[in-house]
Amino acid sequence: MKKSNVISLSLLVLVLGVFIGFQITFTSAWSQPNWHQTQSGRSVISPENYPYFGFPYSPGILVGDTLYISGHLGRDPQTTELVEGGIQAETRQAIANIQEVLTAADMSLENVATVTAFITDINDFPEFNSVYREYFPNDPPARATVQVAALNVGAQVELQMIAVR
């Protein structure tokens, strides 16, 4: 083989290698927006429009195919204030906030395997359950619901979930 052909072939291989490497990097960055992986192999999931409350937690942590979602209150993402309207409105907003985390991890409520619900008054359980059923009408995830003495900012409900791909 001529020296010029070897050089041309080597340059072609180099250019293809750089192009393929760029494609892999670009595709990974494009398909995983709002993710950053830590040294432990877990990815922090932070939705783009997620409000920062100043507390030391991540909205979601993805490890392998399992997404651990922090407890969410019924806070309006624009004002960060608790929505008005009681436990039903708070439940809807908490689920909407969780859906943002799920979407950022390319998941949906259908991926939710388990839910822990914290409510401040067990007498509100029927109202909470009626809203919850709207989001999980068939084959709902495993769930635990517990009454707690109080929640942050006077909330009536907090939801924590685990989702699996």
C-alpha atoms as a PDB file:
ATOM      1  CA  MET A   1       0.000   0.000   0.000  1.00  0.00           C
ATOM      2  CA  LYS A   2       1.313   3.466  -0.864  1.00  0.00           C
ATOM      3  CA  LYS A   3       2.343   5.779   1.948  1.00  0.00           C
ATOM      4  CA  SER A   4      -0.200   8.397   0.818  1.00  0.00           C
ATOM      5  CA  ASN A   5      -3.003   5.801   0.943  1.00  0.00           C
ATOM      6  CA  VAL A   6      -1.983   4.749   4.473  1.00  0.00           C
ATOM      7  CA  ILE A   7      -2.000   8.398   5.608  1.00  0.00           C
ATOM      8  CA  SER A   8      -5.395   8.998   3.956  1.00  0.00           C
ATOM      9  CA  LEU A   9      -6.845   5.873   5.533  1.00  0.00           C
ATOM     10  CA  SER A  10      -5.417   6.828   8.938  1.00  0.00           C
ATOM     11  CA  LEU A  11      -6.932  10.316   8.679  1.00  0.00           C
ATOM     12  CA  LEU A  12     -10.277   8.829   7.649  1.00  0.00           C
ATOM     13  CA  VAL A  13     -10.251   6.477  10.658  1.00  0.00           C
ATOM     14  CA  LEU A  14      -9.308   9.378  12.958  1.00  0.00           C
ATOM     15  CA  VAL A  15     -12.091  11.602  11.600  1.00  0.00           C
ATOM     16  CA  LEU A  16     -14.643   8.777  11.894  1.00  0.00           C
ATOM     17  CA  GLY A  17     -13.519   8.071  15.452  1.00  0.00           C
ATOM     18  CA  VAL A  18     -13.915  11.722  16.433  1.00  0.00           C
ATOM     19  CA  PHE A  19     -17.313  11.879  14.705  1.00  0.00           C
ATOM     20  CA  ILE A  20     -18.576   8.714  16.408  1.00  0.00           C
ATOM     21  CA  GLY A  21     -17.305   9.935  19.778  1.00  0.00           C
ATOM     22  CA  PHE A  22     -19.071  13.264  19.223  1.00  0.00           C
ATOM     23  CA  GLN A  23     -22.305  11.477  18.262  1.00  0.00           C
ATOM     24  CA  ILE A  24     -22.233   9.305  21.388  1.00  0.00           C
ATOM     25  CA  THR A  25     -21.548  12.306  23.618  1.00  0.00           C
ATOM     26  CA  PHE A  26     -24.177  14.451  21.900  1.00  0.00           C
ATOM     27  CA  THR A  27     -26.806  11.701  21.982  1.00  0.00           C
ATOM     28  CA  SER A  28     -26.172  10.984  25.681  1.00  0.00           C
ATOM     29  CA  ALA A  29     -26.365  14.672  26.564  1.00  0.00           C
ATOM     30  CA  TRP A  30     -29.513  15.104  24.468  1.00  0.00           C
ATOM     31  CA  SER A  31     -31.331  12.079  25.858  1.00  0.00           C
ATOM     32  CA  GLN A  32     -30.548  12.846  29.495  1.00  0.00           C
ATOM     33  CA  PRO A  33     -31.334  16.541  30.042  1.00  0.00           C
ATOM     34  CA  ASN A  34     -31.167  17.764  33.609  1.00  0.00           C
ATOM     35  CA  TRP A  35     -29.145  14.750  34.739  1.00  0.00           C
ATOM     36  CA  HIS A  36     -25.684  14.669  36.123  1.00  0.00           C
ATOM     37  CA  GLN A  37     -24.015  11.510  37.290  1.00  0.00           C
ATOM     38  CA  THR A  38     -22.077  11.410  40.532  1.00  0.00           C
ATOM     39  CA  GLN A  39     -18.987   9.304  41.156  1.00  0.00           C
ATOM     40  CA  SER A  40     -21.114   6.653  42.877  1.00  0.00           C
ATOM     41  CA  GLY A  41     -23.004   5.923  39.656  1.00  0.00           C
ATOM     42  CA  ARG A  42     -26.192   7.631  40.724  1.00  0.00           C
ATOM     43  CA  SER A  43     -27.678  10.421  38.628  1.00  0.00           C
ATOM     44  CA  VAL A  44     -29.246  13.512  40.157  1.00  0.00           C
ATOM     45  CA  ILE A  45     -32.545  14.356  38.447  1.00  0.00           C
ATOM     46  CA  SER A  46     -33.410  18.065  38.529  1.00  0.00           C
ATOM     47  CA  PRO A  47     -36.250  19.194  36.264  1.00  0.00           C
ATOM     48  CA  GLU A  48     -35.491  22.356  34.329  1.00  0.00           C
ATOM     49  CA  ASN A  49     -38.351  24.372  35.830  1.00  0.00           C
ATOM     50  CA  TYR A  50     -38.071  22.879  39.289  1.00  0.00           C
ATOM     51  CA  PRO A  51     -38.090  25.536  42.018  1.00  0.00           C
ATOM     52  CA  TYR A  52     -35.166  25.624  44.428  1.00  0.00           C
ATOM     53  CA  PHE A  53     -36.342  25.760  48.032  1.00  0.00           C
ATOM     54  CA  GLY A  54     -32.916  26.075  49.625  1.00  0.00           C
ATOM     55  CA  PHE A  55     -33.078  22.678  51.300  1.00  0.00           C
ATOM     56  CA  PRO A  56     -30.290  20.085  50.981  1.00  0.00           C
ATOM     57  CA  TYR A  57     -31.993  17.440  48.817  1.00  0.00           C
ATOM     58  CA  SER A  58     -32.289  16.379  45.180  1.00  0.00           C
ATOM     59  CA  PRO A  59     -35.743  16.105  43.580  1.00  0.00           C
ATOM     60  CA  GLY A  60     -34.841  12.637  42.320  1.00  0.00           C
ATOM     61  CA  ILE A  61     -31.945  10.177  42.300  1.00  0.00           C
ATOM     62  CA  LEU A  62     -31.666   7.620  39.515  1.00  0.00           C
ATOM     63  CA  VAL A  63     -29.660   4.468  40.218  1.00  0.00           C
ATOM     64  CA  GLY A  64     -29.751   2.023  37.340  1.00  0.00           C
ATOM     65  CA  ASP A  65     -33.405   1.781  36.342  1.00  0.00           C
ATOM     66  CA  THR A  66     -34.772   2.894  39.726  1.00  0.00           C
ATOM     67  CA  LEU A  67     -35.764   6.489  40.428  1.00  0.00           C
ATOM     68  CA  TYR A  68     -36.023   7.554  44.071  1.00  0.00           C
ATOM     69  CA  ILE A  69     -38.227  10.651  44.310  1.00  0.00           C
ATOM     70  CA  SER A  70     -37.974  12.960  47.308  1.00  0.00           C
ATOM     71  CA  GLY A  71     -41.050  13.864  49.307  1.00  0.00           C
ATOM     72  CA  HIS A  72     -43.070  16.575  47.573  1.00  0.00           C
ATOM     73  CA  LEU A  73     -45.586  18.975  49.008  1.00  0.00           C
ATOM     74  CA  GLY A  74     -48.335  20.724  47.084  1.00  0.00           C
ATOM     75  CA  ARG A  75     -46.222  23.805  46.360  1.00  0.00           C
ATOM     76  CA  ASP A  76     -46.786  25.970  43.328  1.00  0.00           C
ATOM     77  CA  PRO A  77     -43.563  25.721  41.285  1.00  0.00           C
ATOM     78  CA  GLN A  78     -43.725  29.414  40.312  1.00  0.00           C
ATOM     79  CA  THR A  79     -44.286  30.965  43.742  1.00  0.00           C
ATOM     80  CA  THR A  80     -43.029  28.042  45.890  1.00  0.00           C
ATOM     81  CA  GLU A  81     -46.051  28.703  48.116  1.00  0.00           C
ATOM     82  CA  LEU A  82     -48.425  25.963  49.199  1.00  0.00           C
ATOM     83  CA  VAL A  83     -51.473  25.881  46.902  1.00  0.00           C
ATOM     84  CA  GLU A  84     -54.817  26.819  48.395  1.00  0.00           C
ATOM     85  CA  GLY A  85     -57.762  24.460  48.487  1.00  0.00           C
ATOM     86  CA  GLY A  86     -56.916  21.884  51.122  1.00  0.00           C
ATOM     87  CA  ILE A  87     -55.706  18.315  50.835  1.00  0.00           C
ATOM     88  CA  GLN A  88     -57.214  17.697  47.401  1.00  0.00           C
ATOM     89  CA  ALA A  89     -55.509  20.703  45.788  1.00  0.00           C
ATOM     90  CA  GLU A  90     -52.250  19.914  47.579  1.00  0.00           C
ATOM     91  CA  THR A  91     -52.375  16.292  46.436  1.00  0.00           C
ATOM     92  CA  ARG A  92     -52.909  17.331  42.799  1.00  0.00           C
ATOM     93  CA  GLN A  93     -50.022  19.783  42.961  1.00  0.00           C
ATOM     94  CA  ALA A  94     -47.684  17.341  44.703  1.00  0.00           C
ATOM     95  CA  ILE A  95     -48.375  14.778  41.967  1.00  0.00           C
ATOM     96  CA  ALA A  96     -47.860  17.415  39.258  1.00  0.00           C
ATOM     97  CA  ASN A  97     -44.483  18.282  40.810  1.00  0.00           C
ATOM     98  CA  ILE A  98     -43.534  14.604  40.923  1.00  0.00           C
ATOM     99  CA  GLN A  99     -44.566  14.207  37.281  1.00  0.00           C
ATOM    100  CA  GLU A 100     -41.931  16.842  36.411  1.00  0.00           C
ATOM    101  CA  VAL A 101     -39.257  14.716  38.093  1.00  0.00           C
ATOM    102  CA  LEU A 102     -40.510  11.580  36.349  1.00  0.00           C
ATOM    103  CA  THR A 103     -40.518  13.354  32.970  1.00  0.00           C
ATOM    104  CA  ALA A 104     -36.951  14.586  33.487  1.00  0.00           C
ATOM    105  CA  ALA A 105     -35.963  10.930  33.995  1.00  0.00           C
ATOM    106  CA  ASP A 106     -37.935   9.808  30.908  1.00  0.00           C
ATOM    107  CA  MET A 107     -40.583   8.105  33.058  1.00  0.00           C
ATOM    108  CA  SER A 108     -44.233   8.613  33.926  1.00  0.00           C
ATOM    109  CA  LEU A 109     -46.671   7.722  36.693  1.00  0.00           C
ATOM    110  CA  GLU A 110     -46.985   4.288  35.067  1.00  0.00           C
ATOM    111  CA  ASN A 111     -43.412   3.599  36.244  1.00  0.00           C
ATOM    112  CA  VAL A 112     -44.254   4.271  39.908  1.00  0.00           C
ATOM    113  CA  ALA A 113     -43.842   1.099  41.966  1.00  0.00           C
ATOM    114  CA  THR A 114     -44.449   2.421  45.466  1.00  0.00           C
ATOM    115  CA  VAL A 115     -45.801   5.547  47.171  1.00  0.00           C
ATOM    116  CA  THR A 116     -45.511   6.744  50.735  1.00  0.00           C
ATOM    117  CA  ALA A 117     -48.161   9.312  51.641  1.00  0.00           C
ATOM    118  CA  PHE A 118     -47.879  11.421  54.768  1.00  0.00           C
ATOM    119  CA  ILE A 119     -51.059  13.236  55.821  1.00  0.00           C
ATOM    120  CA  THR A 120     -51.625  15.403  58.861  1.00  0.00           C
ATOM    121  CA  ASP A 121     -55.217  14.312  59.508  1.00  0.00           C
ATOM    122  CA  ILE A 122     -56.322  10.732  58.891  1.00  0.00           C
ATOM    123  CA  ASN A 123     -59.903  12.041  58.651  1.00  0.00           C
ATOM    124  CA  ASP A 124     -58.845  13.584  55.297  1.00  0.00           C
ATOM    125  CA  PHE A 125     -57.956  10.132  53.963  1.00  0.00           C
ATOM    126  CA  PRO A 126     -61.132   9.767  51.828  1.00  0.00           C
ATOM    127  CA  GLU A 127     -60.532  13.163  50.161  1.00  0.00           C
ATOM    128  CA  PHE A 128     -56.880  12.302  49.546  1.00  0.00           C
ATOM    129  CA  ASN A 129     -57.822   8.890  48.182  1.00  0.00           C
ATOM    130  CA  SER A 130     -60.359  10.315  45.716  1.00  0.00           C
ATOM    131  CA  VAL A 131     -57.681  12.496  44.096  1.00  0.00           C
ATOM    132  CA  TYR A 132     -55.038   9.767  44.251  1.00  0.00           C
ATOM    133  CA  ARG A 133     -57.419   7.419  42.404  1.00  0.00           C
ATOM    134  CA  GLU A 134     -57.621   9.942  39.520  1.00  0.00           C
ATOM    135  CA  TYR A 135     -53.899   9.462  38.866  1.00  0.00           C
ATOM    136  CA  PHE A 136     -53.743   5.730  39.574  1.00  0.00           C
ATOM    137  CA  PRO A 137     -57.143   4.375  38.431  1.00  0.00           C
ATOM    138  CA  ASN A 138     -55.951   0.876  37.483  1.00  0.00           C
ATOM    139  CA  ASP A 139     -53.227  -1.322  38.918  1.00  0.00           C
ATOM    140  CA  PRO A 140     -52.076   1.313  41.430  1.00  0.00           C
ATOM    141  CA  PRO A 141     -48.610   1.121  42.963  1.00  0.00           C
ATOM    142  CA  ALA A 142     -47.965  -0.306  46.413  1.00  0.00           C
ATOM    143  CA  ARG A 143     -48.648   2.366  49.021  1.00  0.00           C
ATOM    144  CA  ALA A 144     -48.355   3.243  52.671  1.00  0.00           C
ATOM    145  CA  THR A 145     -50.324   6.142  54.135  1.00  0.00           C
ATOM    146  CA  VAL A 146     -49.461   7.429  57.569  1.00  0.00           C
ATOM    147  CA  GLN A 147     -50.688  10.262  59.721  1.00  0.00           C
ATOM    148  CA  VAL A 148     -47.968  12.633  60.921  1.00  0.00           C
ATOM    149  CA  ALA A 149     -48.044  15.370  63.532  1.00  0.00           C
ATOM    150  CA  ALA A 150     -46.996  18.127  61.121  1.00  0.00           C
ATOM    151  CA  LEU A 151     -45.460  18.809  57.708  1.00  0.00           C
ATOM    152  CA  ASN A 152     -43.257  21.632  56.460  1.00  0.00           C
ATOM    153  CA  VAL A 153     -44.992  24.992  55.790  1.00  0.00           C
ATOM    154  CA  GLY A 154     -48.276  23.688  57.234  1.00  0.00           C
ATOM    155  CA  ALA A 155     -48.885  21.263  54.361  1.00  0.00           C
ATOM    156  CA  GLN A 156     -51.576  18.632  54.726  1.00  0.00           C
ATOM    157  CA  VAL A 157     -49.940  15.995  52.479  1.00  0.00           C
ATOM    158  CA  GLU A 158     -46.474  14.957  51.322  1.00  0.00           C
ATOM    159  CA  LEU A 159     -45.819  12.260  48.724  1.00  0.00           C
ATOM    160  CA  GLN A 160     -42.654  10.239  48.198  1.00  0.00           C
ATOM    161  CA  MET A 161     -42.328   7.724  45.364  1.00  0.00           C
ATOM    162  CA  ILE A 162     -40.056   5.116  43.818  1.00  0.00           C
ATOM    163  CA  ALA A 163     -40.332   4.437  40.085  1.00  0.00           C
ATOM    164  CA  VAL A 164     -38.760   1.677  37.996  1.00  0.00           C
ATOM    165  CA  ARG A 165     -38.163   1.486  34.255  1.00  0.00           C
END
